[in-house]
Amino acid sequence: MRDTNTPPDAIDIDVALDSGSDAGIEPDGAKDTVSPADIPDVTMVDARVAESCAAYGDPVRVGMISSSLLTETSGIAASRTNPGVLYAHNDSGDTARFFAIDEMGGLLGEFTLAGATATDWEDIAIGRCGTQSCVYIGDIGDNLSARTEYAVYRAVEPRATVGMPAAAAVPVAYERFPFVYPDGPHNAETLLVHPTTGDLYVVLKVPTVSGGAVYRFPRPLVPEVRVTLERVGDFGQTACGALLTGGDIHPAGDRVILRGRGQICELRQTTGAAFDTIFATTASPLPVAVEVQGEAVAYDPDGLSYFTTSEGAAAPIYRIGCFVPTADGGVTDAEPTDGSAPDVIVDAGSLCGNAHIDPGEACDATDLGGATCVTRGFRAGALRCSASCTALDEAGCSNVRINEVESNPSPDWVEFFNPGPGVADMAGYYFTDNAPEDVSHHAVFPAGTVIPAGGFLFASNPGGALAFTFGLGMPDLARLYEPGGTVIDEISWTTHAAGTLARCPDGSETVVDVATPTQGGSNAPSCP
């Protein structure tokens, strides 16, 4: 349950970029000296939340990032002023901008920082700035450890409303906080902002579990004044893994979640201890979904769950909730903080996800409560239940797309791409041209055909992983079907492409004529 305390209004986003004070951004940095006791709460989180989240459930896919503008998601953060809104940004190579999306991955807005530099933006966080809530973005990546300066950008949270996507990009006012490290250049991808003190932390990304460090900005924060960060501790824990790529501080201010390669961990502050000591506590491993290149993690504002997503086109969004058992064997959200009744996630009985196996329950596709791969945000496939009945098993769901087509000159070929987080089992899937009623124009994938996560497979006339005997003419199309006959995807054309027809970027909705074919590999090298 989200907190029902009314947050302060978000600041209008149609403000002049050269008028920081109009946007709630004070250029003199004086707001950073305000005592936390004098700052009204943006999001209230009851202390009971920290007690109730002793364990988290299985990752549940709640959406998929649908915009072709956001294909290398490096960081996410949950809004404190716009319910149901997440902020995200791309990795290095993009312009200075961030995006608002809903929890299902739909684009709500694009926000630009005119004049800002995006050398290597790696993480995003939400924190207080005076009496307001701000977005913090870390330009902190340095793969070669050769930069002479790094920076954190800060902008008041813009308006974004679920169900009301913005029609155009909107400029936002911002402040820049440049910094260096006390011991030379470093690579980092984790930016943390404490929800009550406003302290900023940077956690290094190192190739081994040990050898990392945590740094803190000195107070107060003053825009455009370069500071040297303070090293507040070493860091390296097996539960967190190596190569940390993102993190967040719990809304209650007493936990830290960190993400390493294929791992997520949580640190918990010792009662009565200073916050900085949290990095020396023993981390606990947390559930994590299998993702193509998972880098981003953020707590939900209510403190009862966390979100993850990954780089790549059409990246899934996962929510991992904190569950407590009910007397009848079901599970609920952890106790709400607003006095209302908990949301029941599943009722007791023979239904996937109720955390126990009922008599006669097979934990298969017969007890899903009407859920299907399509309702879970996939294009097709077979949804099942996990063997423990604790979560929906999406391994059989598919988002495979026709990614590139060569119809002239011969040989004709079609490439398929799997943007999903798991292996796609293609057995029984088939594709056709514009004569689907003719079974001789059905090219059926044999048993054992799979496409790995983020992988490619091509069919050719003749040859390839799947050979077909019909030709691709013009006008014509290539259409992919699931075994039951449901259309999954297609690319059509009226004339032959000068090169090949390719999705740019891979798996997106945009199909363009590219000069250089990339059969069996990413279209990125050929995309405009």
Protein backbone atom coordinates (compact mmCIF):
# COMPACT_ATOMS: atom_id res chain seq x y z
CA MET A 1 0.00 0.00 0.00
CA ARG A 2 1.31 3.45 -0.82
CA ASP A 3 1.33 6.09 1.88
CA THR A 4 -1.70 8.35 1.68
CA ASN A 5 -0.12 11.40 3.27
CA THR A 6 -0.42 14.12 0.66
CA PRO A 7 3.05 15.03 -0.62
CA PRO A 8 3.90 18.60 -1.55
CA ASP A 9 3.01 19.47 -5.10
CA ALA A 10 5.63 18.73 -7.70
CA ILE A 11 7.10 21.88 -9.17
CA ASP A 12 5.86 22.87 -12.63
CA ILE A 13 8.27 21.75 -15.28
CA ASP A 14 7.74 24.59 -17.73
CA VAL A 15 10.31 26.76 -16.01
CA ALA A 16 13.18 28.71 -17.54
CA LEU A 17 16.43 26.84 -17.43
CA ASP A 18 18.30 29.92 -16.30
CA SER A 19 16.03 30.52 -13.33
CA GLY A 20 16.95 27.92 -10.74
CA SER A 21 15.07 29.62 -7.92
CA ASP A 22 11.82 29.50 -9.91
CA ALA A 23 12.16 25.73 -10.03
CA GLY A 24 12.81 25.42 -6.34
CA ILE A 25 16.55 25.19 -7.00
CA GLU A 26 18.49 27.70 -4.95
CA PRO A 27 21.83 28.48 -6.58
CA ASP A 28 23.55 29.44 -3.34
CA GLY A 29 23.16 25.95 -1.87
CA ALA A 30 21.81 27.36 1.43
CA LYS A 31 18.97 24.85 1.53
CA ASP A 32 21.43 22.09 2.30
CA THR A 33 22.03 23.56 5.75
CA VAL A 34 18.36 23.17 6.71
CA SER A 35 17.85 20.75 9.57
CA PRO A 36 15.97 17.56 8.61
CA ALA A 37 13.57 18.34 11.47
CA ASP A 38 12.51 21.49 9.64
CA ILE A 39 11.82 19.72 6.36
CA PRO A 40 8.27 18.46 5.82
CA ASP A 41 8.06 14.77 4.99
CA VAL A 42 7.80 13.99 1.31
CA THR A 43 7.07 10.33 1.92
CA MET A 44 6.33 9.01 5.40
CA VAL A 45 7.39 5.44 6.10
CA ASP A 46 6.39 3.93 9.44
CA ALA A 47 9.11 2.17 11.43
CA ARG A 48 7.00 -1.00 11.30
CA VAL A 49 8.03 -1.40 7.67
CA ALA A 50 11.64 -2.00 8.70
CA GLU A 51 10.51 -4.66 11.15
CA SER A 52 8.15 -6.46 8.79
CA CYS A 53 10.46 -6.94 5.80
CA ALA A 54 12.51 -9.81 7.14
CA ALA A 55 12.28 -11.61 3.81
CA TYR A 56 11.25 -10.88 0.24
CA GLY A 57 9.28 -13.00 -2.21
CA ASP A 58 10.13 -14.13 -5.73
CA PRO A 59 10.62 -11.53 -8.50
CA VAL A 60 7.37 -10.77 -10.33
CA ARG A 61 7.46 -9.21 -13.76
CA VAL A 62 5.19 -6.17 -13.70
CA GLY A 63 6.02 -4.53 -17.01
CA MET A 64 8.41 -3.93 -19.87
CA ILE A 65 10.09 -0.69 -20.95
CA SER A 66 8.38 -0.02 -24.26
CA SER A 67 10.02 3.17 -25.53
CA SER A 68 12.76 3.00 -28.14
CA LEU A 69 14.25 6.07 -26.42
CA LEU A 70 15.18 4.00 -23.38
CA THR A 71 17.23 1.00 -24.47
CA GLU A 72 20.23 1.04 -22.11
CA THR A 73 18.62 1.61 -18.74
CA SER A 74 21.44 2.13 -16.27
CA GLY A 75 19.53 3.51 -13.29
CA ILE A 76 16.00 3.77 -11.91
CA ALA A 77 14.44 5.62 -8.99
CA ALA A 78 10.88 5.79 -7.67
CA SER A 79 9.20 9.20 -7.52
CA ARG A 80 8.13 10.60 -4.16
CA THR A 81 5.69 13.14 -5.62
CA ASN A 82 4.15 11.28 -8.56
CA PRO A 83 2.48 8.01 -7.46
CA GLY A 84 3.35 4.98 -9.57
CA VAL A 85 6.12 6.78 -11.49
CA LEU A 86 9.71 5.61 -11.95
CA TYR A 87 12.55 7.70 -13.33
CA ALA A 88 15.18 6.12 -15.57
CA HIS A 89 18.08 7.10 -17.81
CA ASN A 90 20.33 5.55 -20.42
CA ASP A 91 23.97 4.60 -20.04
CA SER A 92 26.80 6.53 -21.68
CA GLY A 93 26.24 7.62 -25.26
CA ASP A 94 22.92 9.37 -24.69
CA THR A 95 22.26 13.08 -24.29
CA ALA A 96 21.65 14.77 -20.93
CA ARG A 97 18.11 13.62 -20.26
CA PHE A 98 16.06 11.32 -18.07
CA PHE A 99 12.65 9.74 -18.44
CA ALA A 100 9.51 9.12 -16.42
CA ILE A 101 7.84 5.74 -16.92
CA ASP A 102 5.03 3.95 -15.15
CA GLU A 103 5.60 0.69 -13.32
CA MET A 104 4.46 -1.24 -16.40
CA GLY A 105 7.18 0.45 -18.47
CA GLY A 106 5.06 2.93 -20.42
CA LEU A 107 6.77 6.24 -21.26
CA LEU A 108 5.28 9.25 -19.45
CA GLY A 109 7.81 11.96 -20.16
CA GLU A 110 11.28 12.96 -21.32
CA PHE A 111 13.14 15.66 -19.39
CA THR A 112 16.23 17.39 -20.75
CA LEU A 113 19.07 19.23 -19.01
CA ALA A 114 20.15 21.82 -21.56
CA GLY A 115 23.87 22.52 -21.42
CA ALA A 116 24.61 19.61 -19.12
CA THR A 117 27.22 16.99 -19.98
CA ALA A 118 26.40 13.29 -20.00
CA THR A 119 29.88 11.80 -20.09
CA ASP A 120 28.82 8.57 -18.42
CA TRP A 121 25.56 8.79 -16.47
CA GLU A 122 25.33 5.65 -14.34
CA ASP A 123 22.73 6.00 -11.58
CA ILE A 124 19.74 8.05 -10.49
CA ALA A 125 18.28 8.64 -7.03
CA ILE A 126 15.57 10.60 -5.25
CA GLY A 127 16.30 12.77 -2.24
CA ARG A 128 15.32 15.90 -0.45
CA CYS A 129 16.46 19.36 -1.49
CA GLY A 130 15.25 21.84 1.07
CA THR A 131 11.50 21.38 1.36
CA GLN A 132 11.19 19.66 -2.00
CA SER A 133 11.96 16.30 -3.58
CA CYS A 134 14.68 16.18 -6.21
CA VAL A 135 16.08 13.86 -8.83
CA TYR A 136 19.83 13.26 -8.51
CA ILE A 137 21.79 11.87 -11.48
CA GLY A 138 25.35 10.63 -11.20
CA ASP A 139 27.77 11.35 -14.05
CA ILE A 140 30.18 9.02 -12.28
CA GLY A 141 31.21 6.33 -14.76
CA ASP A 142 34.87 6.07 -15.71
CA ASN A 143 35.76 2.70 -17.23
CA LEU A 144 39.36 3.76 -17.83
CA SER A 145 39.73 5.55 -14.47
CA ALA A 146 41.08 8.55 -16.32
CA ARG A 147 38.61 11.40 -15.76
CA THR A 148 39.76 14.57 -14.03
CA GLU A 149 36.30 15.48 -12.70
CA TYR A 150 32.91 13.92 -12.05
CA ALA A 151 29.52 15.46 -11.27
CA VAL A 152 26.09 14.92 -9.79
CA TYR A 153 23.15 16.78 -11.32
CA ARG A 154 20.06 17.73 -9.33
CA ALA A 155 16.61 18.84 -10.52
CA VAL A 156 13.32 19.22 -8.68
CA GLU A 157 11.03 16.32 -9.48
CA PRO A 158 8.95 17.24 -12.55
CA ARG A 159 5.27 16.48 -12.96
CA ALA A 160 4.46 13.08 -14.43
CA THR A 161 1.10 11.34 -14.25
CA VAL A 162 0.34 7.69 -14.90
CA GLY A 163 -1.97 7.41 -17.89
CA MET A 164 -1.06 10.87 -19.21
CA PRO A 165 2.14 10.68 -21.30
CA ALA A 166 3.75 13.97 -22.28
CA ALA A 167 3.69 14.89 -25.95
CA ALA A 168 7.20 16.34 -26.13
CA ALA A 169 10.46 16.59 -24.25
CA VAL A 170 10.46 19.16 -21.43
CA PRO A 171 13.52 21.13 -20.25
CA VAL A 172 14.13 21.24 -16.50
CA ALA A 173 16.23 23.56 -14.36
CA TYR A 174 19.11 21.88 -12.60
CA GLU A 175 22.21 22.30 -10.46
CA ARG A 176 25.60 20.68 -10.98
CA PHE A 177 27.85 19.46 -8.15
CA PRO A 178 31.35 18.65 -9.45
CA PHE A 179 33.72 16.47 -7.44
CA VAL A 180 36.94 14.47 -7.37
CA TYR A 181 38.11 11.62 -5.15
CA PRO A 182 40.81 12.04 -2.51
CA ASP A 183 42.84 9.14 -3.93
CA GLY A 184 42.68 9.56 -7.69
CA PRO A 185 40.11 8.69 -10.39
CA HIS A 186 37.70 5.78 -9.95
CA ASN A 187 34.89 4.05 -11.82
CA ALA A 188 31.52 4.07 -10.07
CA GLU A 189 27.93 3.26 -10.99
CA THR A 190 26.11 3.62 -7.66
CA LEU A 191 24.72 6.91 -6.33
CA LEU A 192 22.87 7.01 -2.98
CA VAL A 193 20.96 9.88 -1.37
CA HIS A 194 19.86 9.63 2.26
CA PRO A 195 16.13 10.45 2.54
CA THR A 196 16.40 12.54 5.72
CA THR A 197 19.92 13.95 5.96
CA GLY A 198 20.31 14.57 2.23
CA ASP A 199 23.83 13.12 2.30
CA LEU A 200 25.15 11.89 -1.07
CA TYR A 201 27.22 8.71 -1.35
CA VAL A 202 29.13 7.16 -4.26
CA VAL A 203 30.04 3.46 -4.17
CA LEU A 204 32.86 2.25 -6.42
CA LYS A 205 32.52 -0.44 -9.07
CA VAL A 206 35.45 -2.86 -8.81
CA PRO A 207 35.99 -6.23 -10.55
CA THR A 208 36.32 -8.22 -7.34
CA VAL A 209 34.11 -8.64 -4.28
CA SER A 210 36.70 -6.93 -2.10
CA GLY A 211 38.58 -3.73 -2.78
CA GLY A 212 35.66 -1.31 -3.11
CA ALA A 213 35.02 1.87 -1.20
CA VAL A 214 32.25 4.29 -0.25
CA TYR A 215 32.61 8.06 -0.50
CA ARG A 216 30.43 10.88 0.81
CA PHE A 217 29.97 14.48 -0.33
CA PRO A 218 31.02 17.08 2.25
CA ARG A 219 28.31 19.44 3.48
CA PRO A 220 26.86 21.77 2.43
CA LEU A 221 26.28 21.06 -1.24
CA VAL A 222 27.19 24.15 -3.25
CA PRO A 223 26.53 24.18 -7.03
CA GLU A 224 29.52 24.53 -9.36
CA VAL A 225 32.04 24.32 -6.51
CA ARG A 226 34.30 21.33 -6.97
CA VAL A 227 34.74 19.32 -3.81
CA THR A 228 36.82 16.36 -2.74
CA LEU A 229 34.72 13.48 -1.49
CA GLU A 230 35.33 11.95 1.92
CA ARG A 231 36.11 8.24 2.04
CA VAL A 232 33.81 6.83 4.73
CA GLY A 233 34.73 3.18 4.47
CA ASP A 234 35.91 0.18 2.52
CA PHE A 235 33.33 -2.05 0.94
CA GLY A 236 33.21 -5.58 -0.39
CA GLN A 237 30.80 -8.36 0.52
CA THR A 238 30.12 -11.74 -1.05
CA ALA A 239 26.34 -11.28 -0.81
CA CYS A 240 26.56 -8.15 -2.97
CA GLY A 241 28.91 -9.53 -5.60
CA ALA A 242 31.47 -7.70 -7.67
CA LEU A 243 31.01 -4.85 -10.15
CA LEU A 244 28.30 -2.90 -8.30
CA THR A 245 26.02 -1.15 -10.79
CA GLY A 246 23.31 0.51 -8.71
CA GLY A 247 21.72 0.98 -5.33
CA ASP A 248 19.26 2.88 -3.19
CA ILE A 249 18.66 3.89 0.42
CA HIS A 250 15.41 2.69 1.99
CA PRO A 251 12.77 5.43 2.48
CA ALA A 252 13.04 4.84 6.26
CA GLY A 253 16.76 5.64 6.00
CA ASP A 254 17.94 2.48 7.75
CA ARG A 255 18.74 0.12 4.88
CA VAL A 256 20.78 0.12 1.68
CA ILE A 257 20.14 -2.09 -1.33
CA LEU A 258 23.02 -2.72 -3.75
CA ARG A 259 23.26 -4.56 -7.03
CA GLY A 260 26.29 -6.45 -8.31
CA ARG A 261 26.78 -8.84 -11.20
CA GLY A 262 23.81 -11.22 -10.96
CA GLN A 263 23.31 -10.44 -7.26
CA ILE A 264 21.37 -8.05 -5.02
CA CYS A 265 22.03 -7.50 -1.32
CA GLU A 266 20.66 -5.43 1.53
CA LEU A 267 22.52 -3.78 4.41
CA ARG A 268 20.69 -2.90 7.63
CA GLN A 269 21.72 -0.16 10.02
CA THR A 270 22.51 -1.17 13.59
CA THR A 271 20.09 0.47 16.01
CA GLY A 272 21.64 3.59 17.49
CA ALA A 273 24.67 3.56 15.19
CA ALA A 274 25.63 6.33 12.77
CA PHE A 275 24.35 5.74 9.26
CA ASP A 276 27.82 5.51 7.71
CA THR A 277 28.49 2.37 9.75
CA ILE A 278 25.88 0.54 7.69
CA PHE A 279 28.51 -0.21 5.03
CA ALA A 280 30.45 -2.30 7.56
CA THR A 281 27.45 -4.46 8.53
CA THR A 282 26.97 -7.93 7.06
CA ALA A 283 24.86 -7.87 3.90
CA SER A 284 21.96 -10.24 3.27
CA PRO A 285 21.35 -11.66 -0.22
CA LEU A 286 18.01 -10.72 -1.81
CA PRO A 287 16.01 -12.32 -4.64
CA VAL A 288 16.92 -11.19 -8.14
CA ALA A 289 15.43 -11.97 -11.53
CA VAL A 290 17.54 -13.35 -14.37
CA GLU A 291 18.08 -10.34 -16.64
CA VAL A 292 20.12 -9.78 -19.80
CA GLN A 293 22.29 -7.07 -18.21
CA GLY A 294 20.64 -6.10 -14.95
CA GLU A 295 22.07 -2.87 -13.57
CA ALA A 296 19.29 -0.86 -11.92
CA VAL A 297 17.54 -1.26 -8.57
CA ALA A 298 15.31 1.02 -6.47
CA TYR A 299 13.08 0.76 -3.42
CA ASP A 300 9.38 1.46 -3.79
CA PRO A 301 8.47 4.66 -1.87
CA ASP A 302 6.33 2.67 0.58
CA GLY A 303 9.39 0.64 1.58
CA LEU A 304 7.62 -2.68 1.05
CA SER A 305 9.24 -3.78 -2.22
CA TYR A 306 11.95 -2.98 -4.72
CA PHE A 307 12.16 -2.73 -8.51
CA THR A 308 14.82 -3.96 -10.93
CA THR A 309 15.38 -3.64 -14.65
CA SER A 310 18.19 -4.09 -17.14
CA GLU A 311 19.86 -2.66 -20.19
CA GLY A 312 18.58 -3.66 -23.62
CA ALA A 313 15.51 -2.98 -25.72
CA ALA A 314 12.15 -3.95 -24.24
CA ALA A 315 13.73 -4.63 -20.85
CA PRO A 316 11.39 -6.22 -18.29
CA ILE A 317 10.62 -4.49 -15.00
CA TYR A 318 10.47 -6.70 -11.92
CA ARG A 319 8.94 -6.00 -8.53
CA ILE A 320 10.12 -8.00 -5.54
CA GLY A 321 7.69 -7.63 -2.63
CA CYS A 322 8.03 -8.09 1.11
CA PHE A 323 5.51 -10.73 2.16
CA VAL A 324 4.10 -11.94 5.47
CA PRO A 325 1.93 -15.08 5.84
CA THR A 326 -1.75 -14.98 6.74
CA ALA A 327 -3.53 -17.40 9.04
CA ASP A 328 -5.25 -19.18 6.15
CA GLY A 329 -2.05 -19.81 4.21
CA GLY A 330 -2.23 -16.88 1.82
CA VAL A 331 0.24 -14.01 1.67
CA THR A 332 -0.23 -10.26 1.92
CA ASP A 333 1.77 -7.11 1.56
CA ALA A 334 3.69 -6.17 4.67
CA GLU A 335 1.58 -4.15 7.09
CA PRO A 336 0.47 -0.83 5.54
CA THR A 337 1.60 2.36 7.19
CA ASP A 338 -1.63 4.32 6.73
CA GLY A 339 -3.93 2.26 8.96
CA SER A 340 -5.77 0.62 6.07
CA ALA A 341 -6.18 -3.12 5.58
CA PRO A 342 -3.39 -4.95 3.74
CA ASP A 343 -3.77 -5.71 0.06
CA VAL A 344 -4.28 -9.44 -0.40
CA ILE A 345 -2.01 -10.54 -3.21
CA VAL A 346 -3.50 -14.01 -3.52
CA ASP A 347 -6.27 -15.76 -1.64
CA ALA A 348 -5.68 -19.03 0.15
CA GLY A 349 -6.56 -22.08 -1.88
CA SER A 350 -5.29 -23.75 -5.00
CA LEU A 351 -3.80 -20.69 -6.69
CA CYS A 352 -0.24 -20.11 -7.81
CA GLY A 353 1.58 -17.75 -5.51
CA ASN A 354 -0.04 -18.52 -2.16
CA ALA A 355 3.25 -19.82 -0.78
CA HIS A 356 2.12 -23.40 -0.12
CA ILE A 357 0.98 -26.46 -2.06
CA ASP A 358 -2.62 -27.41 -1.49
CA PRO A 359 -3.83 -31.02 -1.73
CA GLY A 360 -3.87 -32.02 -5.38
CA GLU A 361 -2.28 -28.79 -6.55
CA ALA A 362 0.20 -29.36 -9.37
CA CYS A 363 1.66 -25.82 -9.51
CA ASP A 364 1.15 -25.77 -13.25
CA ALA A 365 -0.84 -23.86 -15.84
CA THR A 366 -4.20 -24.87 -14.29
CA ASP A 367 -3.94 -22.70 -11.16
CA LEU A 368 -2.86 -19.30 -12.47
CA GLY A 369 -6.02 -17.36 -11.66
CA GLY A 370 -6.55 -16.40 -15.30
CA ALA A 371 -3.05 -15.04 -15.80
CA THR A 372 -1.35 -15.70 -19.15
CA CYS A 373 1.91 -14.71 -20.77
CA VAL A 374 0.04 -11.94 -22.58
CA THR A 375 -1.46 -10.52 -19.39
CA ARG A 376 2.04 -10.54 -17.93
CA GLY A 377 3.31 -8.31 -20.75
CA PHE A 378 4.76 -10.93 -23.13
CA ARG A 379 3.83 -11.53 -26.73
CA ALA A 380 3.11 -15.23 -26.31
CA GLY A 381 4.13 -18.48 -24.67
CA ALA A 382 3.09 -20.85 -21.90
CA LEU A 383 2.81 -19.45 -18.37
CA ARG A 384 3.27 -21.88 -15.50
CA CYS A 385 3.70 -21.78 -11.73
CA SER A 386 6.97 -22.24 -9.89
CA ALA A 387 7.53 -25.64 -8.30
CA SER A 388 7.03 -24.11 -4.84
CA CYS A 389 3.76 -22.38 -5.80
CA THR A 390 5.29 -19.10 -4.67
CA ALA A 391 5.42 -17.28 -8.00
CA LEU A 392 4.36 -17.34 -11.61
CA ASP A 393 6.97 -19.02 -13.80
CA GLU A 394 7.49 -16.94 -16.95
CA ALA A 395 10.30 -19.06 -18.40
CA GLY A 396 7.97 -20.30 -21.15
CA CYS A 397 6.79 -16.82 -22.13
CA SER A 398 8.29 -15.20 -25.19
CA ASN A 399 8.97 -11.77 -26.62
CA VAL A 400 10.85 -13.07 -29.65
CA ARG A 401 10.71 -10.66 -32.59
CA ILE A 402 11.49 -10.78 -36.27
CA ASN A 403 14.52 -8.53 -36.17
CA GLU A 404 15.88 -8.39 -39.75
CA VAL A 405 14.71 -9.54 -43.20
CA GLU A 406 16.56 -10.00 -46.49
CA SER A 407 14.15 -10.46 -49.43
CA ASN A 408 16.48 -9.57 -52.31
CA PRO A 409 18.96 -10.70 -53.56
CA SER A 410 18.92 -14.41 -52.83
CA PRO A 411 19.25 -16.20 -50.55
CA ASP A 412 16.26 -14.87 -48.62
CA TRP A 413 16.63 -14.96 -44.85
CA VAL A 414 14.89 -13.89 -41.67
CA GLU A 415 16.56 -13.14 -38.33
CA PHE A 416 14.88 -13.60 -34.93
CA PHE A 417 15.86 -11.83 -31.70
CA ASN A 418 15.07 -12.74 -28.09
CA PRO A 419 15.07 -9.57 -25.93
CA GLY A 420 13.75 -11.45 -22.90
CA PRO A 421 15.58 -12.33 -19.69
CA GLY A 422 15.42 -16.09 -20.26
CA VAL A 423 16.02 -18.68 -22.96
CA ALA A 424 13.24 -18.76 -25.56
CA ASP A 425 12.12 -22.29 -26.49
CA MET A 426 11.11 -22.03 -30.16
CA ALA A 427 9.92 -25.62 -30.61
CA GLY A 428 6.69 -25.61 -32.63
CA TYR A 429 6.82 -21.89 -33.47
CA TYR A 430 6.67 -21.18 -37.19
CA PHE A 431 6.87 -18.32 -39.62
CA THR A 432 5.28 -17.71 -43.02
CA ASP A 433 5.18 -15.21 -45.82
CA ASN A 434 1.95 -13.61 -47.08
CA ALA A 435 0.42 -17.02 -47.84
CA PRO A 436 -0.18 -18.43 -44.33
CA GLU A 437 -3.05 -20.60 -45.58
CA ASP A 438 -0.54 -22.63 -47.61
CA VAL A 439 1.10 -25.11 -45.22
CA SER A 440 4.02 -25.45 -47.63
CA HIS A 441 4.80 -21.88 -46.63
CA HIS A 442 5.11 -22.80 -42.94
CA ALA A 443 8.68 -22.98 -41.66
CA VAL A 444 8.41 -24.79 -38.31
CA PHE A 445 11.13 -24.67 -35.68
CA PRO A 446 12.03 -28.23 -34.62
CA ALA A 447 12.21 -29.49 -31.03
CA GLY A 448 15.36 -28.34 -29.28
CA THR A 449 15.52 -24.97 -31.04
CA VAL A 450 16.24 -22.22 -28.52
CA ILE A 451 17.35 -18.60 -28.59
CA PRO A 452 19.38 -17.51 -25.56
CA ALA A 453 18.55 -14.33 -23.69
CA GLY A 454 19.67 -11.42 -25.85
CA GLY A 455 20.52 -13.86 -28.64
CA PHE A 456 19.82 -14.15 -32.36
CA LEU A 457 18.85 -16.95 -34.74
CA PHE A 458 18.27 -16.85 -38.47
CA ALA A 459 16.34 -18.89 -41.01
CA SER A 460 17.37 -18.99 -44.64
CA ASN A 461 16.37 -20.32 -48.03
CA PRO A 462 18.36 -22.48 -47.95
CA GLY A 463 20.38 -22.95 -44.73
CA GLY A 464 20.48 -21.31 -41.33
CA ALA A 465 19.20 -22.69 -38.05
CA LEU A 466 15.92 -23.23 -39.90
CA ALA A 467 15.74 -23.76 -43.65
CA PHE A 468 12.64 -22.78 -45.63
CA THR A 469 11.70 -23.46 -49.22
CA PHE A 470 9.41 -20.57 -50.13
CA GLY A 471 10.66 -17.23 -51.44
CA LEU A 472 10.11 -13.71 -50.15
CA GLY A 473 8.84 -11.41 -52.88
CA MET A 474 7.19 -8.03 -53.02
CA PRO A 475 4.88 -6.94 -51.66
CA ASP A 476 5.30 -9.55 -48.95
CA LEU A 477 5.80 -10.11 -45.24
CA ALA A 478 7.49 -12.33 -42.70
CA ARG A 479 5.17 -13.36 -39.87
CA LEU A 480 5.95 -15.35 -36.70
CA TYR A 481 3.36 -17.60 -35.02
CA GLU A 482 3.31 -19.44 -31.71
CA PRO A 483 2.53 -23.18 -31.89
CA GLY A 484 -1.19 -22.51 -31.26
CA GLY A 485 -1.45 -20.25 -34.30
CA THR A 486 -1.37 -16.82 -32.59
CA VAL A 487 0.56 -14.17 -34.48
CA ILE A 488 3.55 -13.00 -32.45
CA ASP A 489 5.25 -10.54 -34.77
CA GLU A 490 5.66 -9.52 -38.38
CA ILE A 491 7.53 -7.21 -40.72
CA SER A 492 5.92 -6.30 -44.05
CA TRP A 493 7.09 -4.40 -47.10
CA THR A 494 5.79 -3.18 -50.47
CA THR A 495 9.15 -3.05 -52.27
CA HIS A 496 12.47 -4.76 -51.67
CA ALA A 497 14.83 -2.92 -49.36
CA ALA A 498 18.01 -1.51 -50.82
CA GLY A 499 19.83 -3.35 -48.04
CA THR A 500 17.84 -5.23 -45.39
CA LEU A 501 14.84 -4.32 -43.25
CA ALA A 502 16.06 -4.15 -39.65
CA ARG A 503 14.66 -3.13 -36.29
CA CYS A 504 16.67 -0.23 -34.90
CA PRO A 505 17.48 -0.73 -32.12
CA ASP A 506 17.13 -4.51 -31.86
CA GLY A 507 13.64 -5.59 -30.84
CA SER A 508 12.10 -2.11 -31.15
CA GLU A 509 9.07 -1.02 -33.14
CA THR A 510 11.13 0.97 -35.66
CA VAL A 511 12.02 -0.84 -38.90
CA VAL A 512 14.48 0.84 -41.28
CA ASP A 513 16.32 0.00 -44.49
CA VAL A 514 19.97 -0.52 -43.52
CA ALA A 515 22.84 -0.78 -45.96
CA THR A 516 24.87 -3.47 -44.21
CA PRO A 517 23.23 -6.79 -43.20
CA THR A 518 24.01 -8.15 -39.74
CA GLN A 519 22.71 -11.69 -40.12
CA GLY A 520 22.74 -13.52 -36.80
CA GLY A 521 23.93 -10.51 -34.78
CA SER A 522 22.87 -7.15 -33.43
CA ASN A 523 21.66 -4.51 -35.87
CA ALA A 524 23.40 -1.79 -33.87
CA PRO A 525 26.46 -1.46 -36.16
CA SER A 526 24.19 -0.74 -39.14
CA CYS A 527 21.47 1.35 -37.52
CA PRO A 528 21.43 5.07 -38.33
